[in-house]
Amino acid sequence: EAKNVAGYILDLRSNPGGLLYASIEIARMFIPEGTI
């Protein structure tokens, strides 16, 4: 954001998962409101 990117590609290929709270925290970084 400091470098003023125009957009994002998030690569989740071959990601088997992990901590629940991490997935929720990361979702909140991109989603302003609504259910996760």
PDB file of all heavy atoms in Angstrom:
ATOM      1  N   GLU A   1       0.837  -1.207   0.000  1.00  0.00           N
ATOM      2  CA  GLU A   1       0.000   0.000   0.000  1.00  0.00           C
ATOM      3  C   GLU A   1       0.872   1.257   0.000  1.00  0.00           C
ATOM      4  O   GLU A   1       0.541   2.257  -0.644  1.00  0.00           O
ATOM      5  CB  GLU A   1      -0.945  -0.008   1.210  1.00  0.00           C
ATOM      6  CG  GLU A   1      -2.077  -1.010   1.106  1.00  0.00           C
ATOM      7  CD  GLU A   1      -3.011  -0.711  -0.051  1.00  0.00           C
ATOM      8  OE1 GLU A   1      -3.657   0.359  -0.044  1.00  0.00           O
ATOM      9  OE2 GLU A   1      -3.089  -1.545  -0.985  1.00  0.00           O
ATOM     10  N   ALA A   2       1.997   1.190   0.721  1.00  0.00           N
ATOM     11  CA  ALA A   2       2.916   2.332   0.729  1.00  0.00           C
ATOM     12  C   ALA A   2       3.496   2.576  -0.656  1.00  0.00           C
ATOM     13  O   ALA A   2       3.851   3.715  -0.999  1.00  0.00           O
ATOM     14  CB  ALA A   2       4.041   2.092   1.741  1.00  0.00           C
ATOM     15  N   LYS A   3       3.575   1.504  -1.449  1.00  0.00           N
ATOM     16  CA  LYS A   3       4.085   1.628  -2.817  1.00  0.00           C
ATOM     17  C   LYS A   3       2.967   1.846  -3.834  1.00  0.00           C
ATOM     18  O   LYS A   3       3.204   1.865  -5.042  1.00  0.00           O
ATOM     19  CB  LYS A   3       4.874   0.361  -3.179  1.00  0.00           C
ATOM     20  CG  LYS A   3       6.145   0.213  -2.347  1.00  0.00           C
ATOM     21  CD  LYS A   3       6.841  -1.122  -2.607  1.00  0.00           C
ATOM     22  CE  LYS A   3       8.100  -1.240  -1.747  1.00  0.00           C
ATOM     23  NZ  LYS A   3       8.754  -2.564  -1.863  1.00  0.00           N
ATOM     24  N   ASN A   4       1.740   2.000  -3.311  1.00  0.00           N
ATOM     25  CA  ASN A   4       0.568   2.340  -4.122  1.00  0.00           C
ATOM     26  C   ASN A   4       0.336   1.349  -5.256  1.00  0.00           C
ATOM     27  O   ASN A   4       0.187   1.714  -6.424  1.00  0.00           O
ATOM     28  CB  ASN A   4       0.699   3.757  -4.695  1.00  0.00           C
ATOM     29  CG  ASN A   4      -0.635   4.292  -5.199  1.00  0.00           C
ATOM     30  OD1 ASN A   4      -1.690   3.927  -4.681  1.00  0.00           O
ATOM     31  ND2 ASN A   4      -0.588   5.147  -6.206  1.00  0.00           N
ATOM     32  N   VAL A   5       0.287   0.059  -4.897  1.00  0.00           N
ATOM     33  CA  VAL A   5       0.009  -0.948  -5.917  1.00  0.00           C
ATOM     34  C   VAL A   5      -1.396  -0.768  -6.468  1.00  0.00           C
ATOM     35  O   VAL A   5      -2.281  -0.223  -5.806  1.00  0.00           O
ATOM     36  CB  VAL A   5       0.174  -2.381  -5.363  1.00  0.00           C
ATOM     37  CG1 VAL A   5       1.612  -2.642  -4.965  1.00  0.00           C
ATOM     38  CG2 VAL A   5      -0.785  -2.638  -4.205  1.00  0.00           C
ATOM     39  N   ALA A   6      -1.591  -1.233  -7.693  1.00  0.00           N
ATOM     40  CA  ALA A   6      -2.893  -1.094  -8.345  1.00  0.00           C
ATOM     41  C   ALA A   6      -3.827  -2.241  -8.011  1.00  0.00           C
ATOM     42  O   ALA A   6      -5.054  -2.120  -8.168  1.00  0.00           O
ATOM     43  CB  ALA A   6      -2.695  -1.016  -9.864  1.00  0.00           C
ATOM     44  N   GLY A   7      -3.284  -3.365  -7.571  1.00  0.00           N
ATOM     45  CA  GLY A   7      -4.117  -4.521  -7.252  1.00  0.00           C
ATOM     46  C   GLY A   7      -3.279  -5.645  -6.678  1.00  0.00           C
ATOM     47  O   GLY A   7      -2.051  -5.524  -6.544  1.00  0.00           O
ATOM     48  N   TYR A   8      -3.954  -6.756  -6.336  1.00  0.00           N
ATOM     49  CA  TYR A   8      -3.303  -7.865  -5.654  1.00  0.00           C
ATOM     50  C   TYR A   8      -3.615  -9.202  -6.320  1.00  0.00           C
ATOM     51  O   TYR A   8      -4.744  -9.421  -6.794  1.00  0.00           O
ATOM     52  CB  TYR A   8      -3.770  -7.957  -4.195  1.00  0.00           C
ATOM     53  CG  TYR A   8      -3.246  -6.860  -3.307  1.00  0.00           C
ATOM     54  CD1 TYR A   8      -3.917  -5.636  -3.205  1.00  0.00           C
ATOM     55  CD2 TYR A   8      -2.083  -7.036  -2.566  1.00  0.00           C
ATOM     56  CE1 TYR A   8      -3.438  -4.623  -2.394  1.00  0.00           C
ATOM     57  CE2 TYR A   8      -1.597  -6.033  -1.747  1.00  0.00           C
ATOM     58  CZ  TYR A   8      -2.274  -4.824  -1.660  1.00  0.00           C
ATOM     59  OH  TYR A   8      -1.787  -3.826  -0.857  1.00  0.00           O
ATOM     60  N   ILE A   9      -2.632 -10.084  -6.320  1.00  0.00           N
ATOM     61  CA  ILE A   9      -2.841 -11.498  -6.615  1.00  0.00           C
ATOM     62  C   ILE A   9      -2.438 -12.270  -5.368  1.00  0.00           C
ATOM     63  O   ILE A   9      -1.291 -12.203  -4.924  1.00  0.00           O
ATOM     64  CB  ILE A   9      -2.023 -11.974  -7.825  1.00  0.00           C
ATOM     65  CG1 ILE A   9      -2.521 -11.284  -9.101  1.00  0.00           C
ATOM     66  CG2 ILE A   9      -2.124 -13.495  -7.978  1.00  0.00           C
ATOM     67  CD1 ILE A   9      -1.717 -11.636 -10.340  1.00  0.00           C
ATOM     68  N   LEU A  10      -3.397 -12.971  -4.780  1.00  0.00           N
ATOM     69  CA  LEU A  10      -3.149 -13.801  -3.605  1.00  0.00           C
ATOM     70  C   LEU A  10      -3.105 -15.254  -4.063  1.00  0.00           C
ATOM     71  O   LEU A  10      -4.087 -15.769  -4.602  1.00  0.00           O
ATOM     72  CB  LEU A  10      -4.248 -13.595  -2.563  1.00  0.00           C
ATOM     73  CG  LEU A  10      -4.180 -14.494  -1.320  1.00  0.00           C
ATOM     74  CD1 LEU A  10      -2.888 -14.267  -0.546  1.00  0.00           C
ATOM     75  CD2 LEU A  10      -5.397 -14.251  -0.422  1.00  0.00           C
ATOM     76  N   ASP A  11      -1.998 -15.908  -3.845  1.00  0.00           N
ATOM     77  CA  ASP A  11      -1.777 -17.276  -4.318  1.00  0.00           C
ATOM     78  C   ASP A  11      -1.962 -18.261  -3.163  1.00  0.00           C
ATOM     79  O   ASP A  11      -1.136 -18.334  -2.258  1.00  0.00           O
ATOM     80  CB  ASP A  11      -0.361 -17.383  -4.894  1.00  0.00           C
ATOM     81  CG  ASP A  11      -0.144 -18.664  -5.680  1.00  0.00           C
ATOM     82  OD1 ASP A  11      -0.971 -19.585  -5.560  1.00  0.00           O
ATOM     83  OD2 ASP A  11       0.865 -18.726  -6.415  1.00  0.00           O
ATOM     84  N   LEU A  12      -3.069 -19.015  -3.207  1.00  0.00           N
ATOM     85  CA  LEU A  12      -3.360 -20.016  -2.185  1.00  0.00           C
ATOM     86  C   LEU A  12      -3.201 -21.438  -2.718  1.00  0.00           C
ATOM     87  O   LEU A  12      -3.630 -22.396  -2.069  1.00  0.00           O
ATOM     88  CB  LEU A  12      -4.799 -19.840  -1.657  1.00  0.00           C
ATOM     89  CG  LEU A  12      -5.118 -18.538  -0.937  1.00  0.00           C
ATOM     90  CD1 LEU A  12      -6.586 -18.505  -0.527  1.00  0.00           C
ATOM     91  CD2 LEU A  12      -4.232 -18.341   0.284  1.00  0.00           C
ATOM     92  N   ARG A  13      -2.584 -21.601  -3.856  1.00  0.00           N
ATOM     93  CA  ARG A  13      -2.431 -22.936  -4.428  1.00  0.00           C
ATOM     94  C   ARG A  13      -1.566 -23.812  -3.514  1.00  0.00           C
ATOM     95  O   ARG A  13      -0.560 -23.362  -2.973  1.00  0.00           O
ATOM     96  CB  ARG A  13      -1.801 -22.844  -5.818  1.00  0.00           C
ATOM     97  CG  ARG A  13      -2.716 -22.226  -6.867  1.00  0.00           C
ATOM     98  CD  ARG A  13      -1.999 -22.036  -8.194  1.00  0.00           C
ATOM     99  NE  ARG A  13      -0.892 -21.073  -8.066  1.00  0.00           N
ATOM    100  CZ  ARG A  13      -0.049 -20.799  -9.056  1.00  0.00           C
ATOM    101  NH1 ARG A  13      -0.176 -21.410 -10.232  1.00  0.00           N
ATOM    102  NH2 ARG A  13       0.921 -19.910  -8.870  1.00  0.00           N
ATOM    103  N   SER A  14      -1.996 -25.048  -3.353  1.00  0.00           N
ATOM    104  CA  SER A  14      -1.287 -26.040  -2.522  1.00  0.00           C
ATOM    105  C   SER A  14      -1.119 -25.596  -1.075  1.00  0.00           C
ATOM    106  O   SER A  14      -0.207 -26.053  -0.386  1.00  0.00           O
ATOM    107  CB  SER A  14       0.079 -26.386  -3.132  1.00  0.00           C
ATOM    108  OG  SER A  14      -0.090 -27.016  -4.377  1.00  0.00           O
ATOM    109  N   ASN A  15      -1.997 -24.735  -0.605  1.00  0.00           N
ATOM    110  CA  ASN A  15      -1.970 -24.317   0.802  1.00  0.00           C
ATOM    111  C   ASN A  15      -2.966 -25.185   1.563  1.00  0.00           C
ATOM    112  O   ASN A  15      -4.174 -25.037   1.395  1.00  0.00           O
ATOM    113  CB  ASN A  15      -2.340 -22.840   0.916  1.00  0.00           C
ATOM    114  CG  ASN A  15      -2.294 -22.332   2.354  1.00  0.00           C
ATOM    115  OD1 ASN A  15      -2.566 -23.067   3.295  1.00  0.00           O
ATOM    116  ND2 ASN A  15      -1.964 -21.066   2.525  1.00  0.00           N
ATOM    117  N   PRO A  16      -2.481 -26.101   2.415  1.00  0.00           N
ATOM    118  CA  PRO A  16      -3.380 -27.058   3.065  1.00  0.00           C
ATOM    119  C   PRO A  16      -4.128 -26.517   4.269  1.00  0.00           C
ATOM    120  O   PRO A  16      -4.980 -27.200   4.825  1.00  0.00           O
ATOM    121  CB  PRO A  16      -2.426 -28.172   3.499  1.00  0.00           C
ATOM    122  CG  PRO A  16      -1.147 -27.460   3.776  1.00  0.00           C
ATOM    123  CD  PRO A  16      -1.065 -26.360   2.746  1.00  0.00           C
ATOM    124  N   GLY A  17      -3.828 -25.292   4.700  1.00  0.00           N
ATOM    125  CA  GLY A  17      -4.562 -24.705   5.808  1.00  0.00           C
ATOM    126  C   GLY A  17      -3.659 -24.334   6.958  1.00  0.00           C
ATOM    127  O   GLY A  17      -2.507 -23.980   6.785  1.00  0.00           O
ATOM    128  N   GLY A  18      -4.191 -24.412   8.187  1.00  0.00           N
ATOM    129  CA  GLY A  18      -3.427 -24.046   9.370  1.00  0.00           C
ATOM    130  C   GLY A  18      -4.320 -23.495  10.462  1.00  0.00           C
ATOM    131  O   GLY A  18      -5.365 -24.055  10.753  1.00  0.00           O
ATOM    132  N   LEU A  19      -3.928 -22.387  11.026  1.00  0.00           N
ATOM    133  CA  LEU A  19      -4.640 -21.810  12.160  1.00  0.00           C
ATOM    134  C   LEU A  19      -5.905 -21.079  11.722  1.00  0.00           C
ATOM    135  O   LEU A  19      -5.875 -20.238  10.832  1.00  0.00           O
ATOM    136  CB  LEU A  19      -3.735 -20.834  12.904  1.00  0.00           C
ATOM    137  CG  LEU A  19      -2.514 -21.454  13.584  1.00  0.00           C
ATOM    138  CD1 LEU A  19      -1.516 -20.368  13.950  1.00  0.00           C
ATOM    139  CD2 LEU A  19      -2.930 -22.244  14.808  1.00  0.00           C
ATOM    140  N   LEU A  20      -7.007 -21.385  12.400  1.00  0.00           N
ATOM    141  CA  LEU A  20      -8.285 -20.743  12.082  1.00  0.00           C
ATOM    142  C   LEU A  20      -8.209 -19.233  12.251  1.00  0.00           C
ATOM    143  O   LEU A  20      -8.647 -18.472  11.395  1.00  0.00           O
ATOM    144  CB  LEU A  20      -9.391 -21.314  12.961  1.00  0.00           C
ATOM    145  CG  LEU A  20     -10.744 -20.598  12.883  1.00  0.00           C
ATOM    146  CD1 LEU A  20     -11.318 -20.672  11.483  1.00  0.00           C
ATOM    147  CD2 LEU A  20     -11.712 -21.164  13.896  1.00  0.00           C
ATOM    148  N   TYR A  21      -7.649 -18.790  13.381  1.00  0.00           N
ATOM    149  CA  TYR A  21      -7.643 -17.349  13.635  1.00  0.00           C
ATOM    150  C   TYR A  21      -6.831 -16.609  12.585  1.00  0.00           C
ATOM    151  O   TYR A  21      -7.107 -15.451  12.267  1.00  0.00           O
ATOM    152  CB  TYR A  21      -7.162 -17.030  15.055  1.00  0.00           C
ATOM    153  CG  TYR A  21      -5.680 -17.175  15.300  1.00  0.00           C
ATOM    154  CD1 TYR A  21      -4.776 -16.190  14.884  1.00  0.00           C
ATOM    155  CD2 TYR A  21      -5.177 -18.274  15.976  1.00  0.00           C
ATOM    156  CE1 TYR A  21      -3.420 -16.318  15.123  1.00  0.00           C
ATOM    157  CE2 TYR A  21      -3.821 -18.403  16.220  1.00  0.00           C
ATOM    158  CZ  TYR A  21      -2.947 -17.423  15.788  1.00  0.00           C
ATOM    159  OH  TYR A  21      -1.605 -17.544  16.019  1.00  0.00           O
ATOM    160  N   ALA A  22      -5.818 -17.271  12.013  1.00  0.00           N
ATOM    161  CA  ALA A  22      -5.020 -16.625  10.960  1.00  0.00           C
ATOM    162  C   ALA A  22      -5.862 -16.396   9.722  1.00  0.00           C
ATOM    163  O   ALA A  22      -5.779 -15.337   9.087  1.00  0.00           O
ATOM    164  CB  ALA A  22      -3.795 -17.468  10.636  1.00  0.00           C
ATOM    165  N   SER A  23      -6.695 -17.377   9.356  1.00  0.00           N
ATOM    166  CA  SER A  23      -7.539 -17.200   8.172  1.00  0.00           C
ATOM    167  C   SER A  23      -8.555 -16.081   8.378  1.00  0.00           C
ATOM    168  O   SER A  23      -8.841 -15.308   7.465  1.00  0.00           O
ATOM    169  CB  SER A  23      -8.255 -18.506   7.820  1.00  0.00           C
ATOM    170  OG  SER A  23      -9.216 -18.854   8.797  1.00  0.00           O
ATOM    171  N   ILE A  24      -9.083 -15.966   9.591  1.00  0.00           N
ATOM    172  CA  ILE A  24     -10.061 -14.904   9.876  1.00  0.00           C
ATOM    173  C   ILE A  24      -9.376 -13.537   9.882  1.00  0.00           C
ATOM    174  O   ILE A  24      -9.892 -12.566   9.305  1.00  0.00           O
ATOM    175  CB  ILE A  24     -10.756 -15.182  11.223  1.00  0.00           C
ATOM    176  CG1 ILE A  24     -11.618 -16.451  11.112  1.00  0.00           C
ATOM    177  CG2 ILE A  24     -11.612 -13.986  11.651  1.00  0.00           C
ATOM    178  CD1 ILE A  24     -12.157 -16.941  12.437  1.00  0.00           C
ATOM    179  N   GLU A  25      -8.215 -13.447  10.527  1.00  0.00           N
ATOM    180  CA  GLU A  25      -7.490 -12.174  10.548  1.00  0.00           C
ATOM    181  C   GLU A  25      -7.124 -11.717   9.144  1.00  0.00           C
ATOM    182  O   GLU A  25      -7.238 -10.538   8.805  1.00  0.00           O
ATOM    183  CB  GLU A  25      -6.228 -12.305  11.397  1.00  0.00           C
ATOM    184  CG  GLU A  25      -6.477 -12.286  12.899  1.00  0.00           C
ATOM    185  CD  GLU A  25      -5.178 -12.179  13.678  1.00  0.00           C
ATOM    186  OE1 GLU A  25      -4.260 -11.466  13.222  1.00  0.00           O
ATOM    187  OE2 GLU A  25      -5.088 -12.822  14.739  1.00  0.00           O
ATOM    188  N   ILE A  26      -6.673 -12.646   8.321  1.00  0.00           N
ATOM    189  CA  ILE A  26      -6.278 -12.281   6.960  1.00  0.00           C
ATOM    190  C   ILE A  26      -7.491 -11.868   6.143  1.00  0.00           C
ATOM    191  O   ILE A  26      -7.432 -10.903   5.367  1.00  0.00           O
ATOM    192  CB  ILE A  26      -5.507 -13.444   6.308  1.00  0.00           C
ATOM    193  CG1 ILE A  26      -4.144 -13.596   6.992  1.00  0.00           C
ATOM    194  CG2 ILE A  26      -5.328 -13.208   4.802  1.00  0.00           C
ATOM    195  CD1 ILE A  26      -3.383 -14.840   6.585  1.00  0.00           C
ATOM    196  N   ALA A  27      -8.609 -12.560   6.309  1.00  0.00           N
ATOM    197  CA  ALA A  27      -9.836 -12.161   5.604  1.00  0.00           C
ATOM    198  C   ALA A  27     -10.225 -10.736   5.970  1.00  0.00           C
ATOM    199  O   ALA A  27     -10.646  -9.943   5.112  1.00  0.00           O
ATOM    200  CB  ALA A  27     -10.967 -13.129   5.945  1.00  0.00           C
ATOM    201  N   ARG A  28     -10.059 -10.375   7.232  1.00  0.00           N
ATOM    202  CA  ARG A  28     -10.419  -9.021   7.677  1.00  0.00           C
ATOM    203  C   ARG A  28      -9.512  -7.942   7.085  1.00  0.00           C
ATOM    204  O   ARG A  28      -9.884  -6.776   7.052  1.00  0.00           O
ATOM    205  CB  ARG A  28     -10.372  -8.964   9.209  1.00  0.00           C
ATOM    206  CG  ARG A  28     -11.544  -9.684   9.870  1.00  0.00           C
ATOM    207  CD  ARG A  28     -11.373  -9.796  11.370  1.00  0.00           C
ATOM    208  NE  ARG A  28     -12.577 -10.349  11.985  1.00  0.00           N
ATOM    209  CZ  ARG A  28     -12.615 -10.912  13.182  1.00  0.00           C
ATOM    210  NH1 ARG A  28     -11.491 -10.995  13.905  1.00  0.00           N
ATOM    211  NH2 ARG A  28     -13.731 -11.383  13.667  1.00  0.00           N
ATOM    212  N   MET A  29      -8.328  -8.340   6.614  1.00  0.00           N
ATOM    213  CA  MET A  29      -7.425  -7.370   5.984  1.00  0.00           C
ATOM    214  C   MET A  29      -7.927  -6.942   4.607  1.00  0.00           C
ATOM    215  O   MET A  29      -7.550  -5.882   4.112  1.00  0.00           O
ATOM    216  CB  MET A  29      -6.017  -7.967   5.867  1.00  0.00           C
ATOM    217  CG  MET A  29      -5.372  -8.241   7.209  1.00  0.00           C
ATOM    218  SD  MET A  29      -3.751  -9.053   7.033  1.00  0.00           S
ATOM    219  CE  MET A  29      -3.502  -9.668   8.706  1.00  0.00           C
ATOM    220  N   PHE A  30      -8.781  -7.784   4.006  1.00  0.00           N
ATOM    221  CA  PHE A  30      -9.282  -7.488   2.668  1.00  0.00           C
ATOM    222  C   PHE A  30     -10.773  -7.170   2.632  1.00  0.00           C
ATOM    223  O   PHE A  30     -11.246  -6.500   1.716  1.00  0.00           O
ATOM    224  CB  PHE A  30      -9.017  -8.679   1.741  1.00  0.00           C
ATOM    225  CG  PHE A  30      -7.567  -8.950   1.486  1.00  0.00           C
ATOM    226  CD1 PHE A  30      -6.920 -10.010   2.100  1.00  0.00           C
ATOM    227  CD2 PHE A  30      -6.834  -8.139   0.629  1.00  0.00           C
ATOM    228  CE1 PHE A  30      -5.575 -10.264   1.864  1.00  0.00           C
ATOM    229  CE2 PHE A  30      -5.492  -8.386   0.384  1.00  0.00           C
ATOM    230  CZ  PHE A  30      -4.863  -9.453   1.004  1.00  0.00           C
ATOM    231  N   ILE A  31     -11.538  -7.689   3.604  1.00  0.00           N
ATOM    232  CA  ILE A  31     -12.990  -7.534   3.605  1.00  0.00           C
ATOM    233  C   ILE A  31     -13.391  -6.507   4.664  1.00  0.00           C
ATOM    234  O   ILE A  31     -13.147  -6.720   5.856  1.00  0.00           O
ATOM    235  CB  ILE A  31     -13.683  -8.880   3.895  1.00  0.00           C
ATOM    236  CG1 ILE A  31     -13.298  -9.917   2.836  1.00  0.00           C
ATOM    237  CG2 ILE A  31     -15.191  -8.721   3.960  1.00  0.00           C
ATOM    238  CD1 ILE A  31     -13.749 -11.327   3.167  1.00  0.00           C
ATOM    239  N   PRO A  32     -14.019  -5.388   4.281  1.00  0.00           N
ATOM    240  CA  PRO A  32     -14.356  -4.358   5.269  1.00  0.00           C
ATOM    241  C   PRO A  32     -15.519  -4.739   6.172  1.00  0.00           C
ATOM    242  O   PRO A  32     -15.526  -4.408   7.362  1.00  0.00           O
ATOM    243  CB  PRO A  32     -14.697  -3.134   4.412  1.00  0.00           C
ATOM    244  CG  PRO A  32     -15.121  -3.712   3.088  1.00  0.00           C
ATOM    245  CD  PRO A  32     -14.313  -4.950   2.901  1.00  0.00           C
ATOM    246  N   GLU A  33     -16.517  -5.414   5.627  1.00  0.00           N
ATOM    247  CA  GLU A  33     -17.683  -5.780   6.431  1.00  0.00           C
ATOM    248  C   GLU A  33     -18.336  -7.023   5.847  1.00  0.00           C
ATOM    249  O   GLU A  33     -18.107  -7.375   4.692  1.00  0.00           O
ATOM    250  CB  GLU A  33     -18.692  -4.629   6.481  1.00  0.00           C
ATOM    251  CG  GLU A  33     -19.199  -4.182   5.118  1.00  0.00           C
ATOM    252  CD  GLU A  33     -20.112  -2.982   5.217  1.00  0.00           C
ATOM    253  OE1 GLU A  33     -20.236  -2.417   6.307  1.00  0.00           O
ATOM    254  OE2 GLU A  33     -20.724  -2.636   4.184  1.00  0.00           O
ATOM    255  N   GLY A  34     -19.137  -7.684   6.670  1.00  0.00           N
ATOM    256  CA  GLY A  34     -19.811  -8.890   6.217  1.00  0.00           C
ATOM    257  C   GLY A  34     -19.300 -10.131   6.928  1.00  0.00           C
ATOM    258  O   GLY A  34     -18.332 -10.104   7.681  1.00  0.00           O
ATOM    259  N   THR A  35     -19.963 -11.244   6.672  1.00  0.00           N
ATOM    260  CA  THR A  35     -19.619 -12.519   7.286  1.00  0.00           C
ATOM    261  C   THR A  35     -18.369 -13.104   6.632  1.00  0.00           C
ATOM    262  O   THR A  35     -18.172 -12.991   5.425  1.00  0.00           O
ATOM    263  CB  THR A  35     -20.787 -13.512   7.142  1.00  0.00           C
ATOM    264  OG1 THR A  35     -21.930 -12.990   7.821  1.00  0.00           O
ATOM    265  CG2 THR A  35     -20.446 -14.872   7.737  1.00  0.00           C
ATOM    266  N   ILE A  36     -17.538 -13.759   7.441  1.00  0.00           N
ATOM    267  CA  ILE A  36     -16.363 -14.459   6.939  1.00  0.00           C
ATOM    268  C   ILE A  36     -16.614 -15.961   6.902  1.00  0.00           C
ATOM    269  O   ILE A  36     -16.376 -16.620   5.891  1.00  0.00           O
ATOM    270  CB  ILE A  36     -15.126 -14.131   7.794  1.00  0.00           C
ATOM    271  CG1 ILE A  36     -14.756 -12.657   7.614  1.00  0.00           C
ATOM    272  CG2 ILE A  36     -13.944 -15.037   7.431  1.00  0.00           C
ATOM    273  CD1 ILE A  36     -13.688 -12.170   8.564  1.00  0.00           C
TER     274      ILE A  36
END
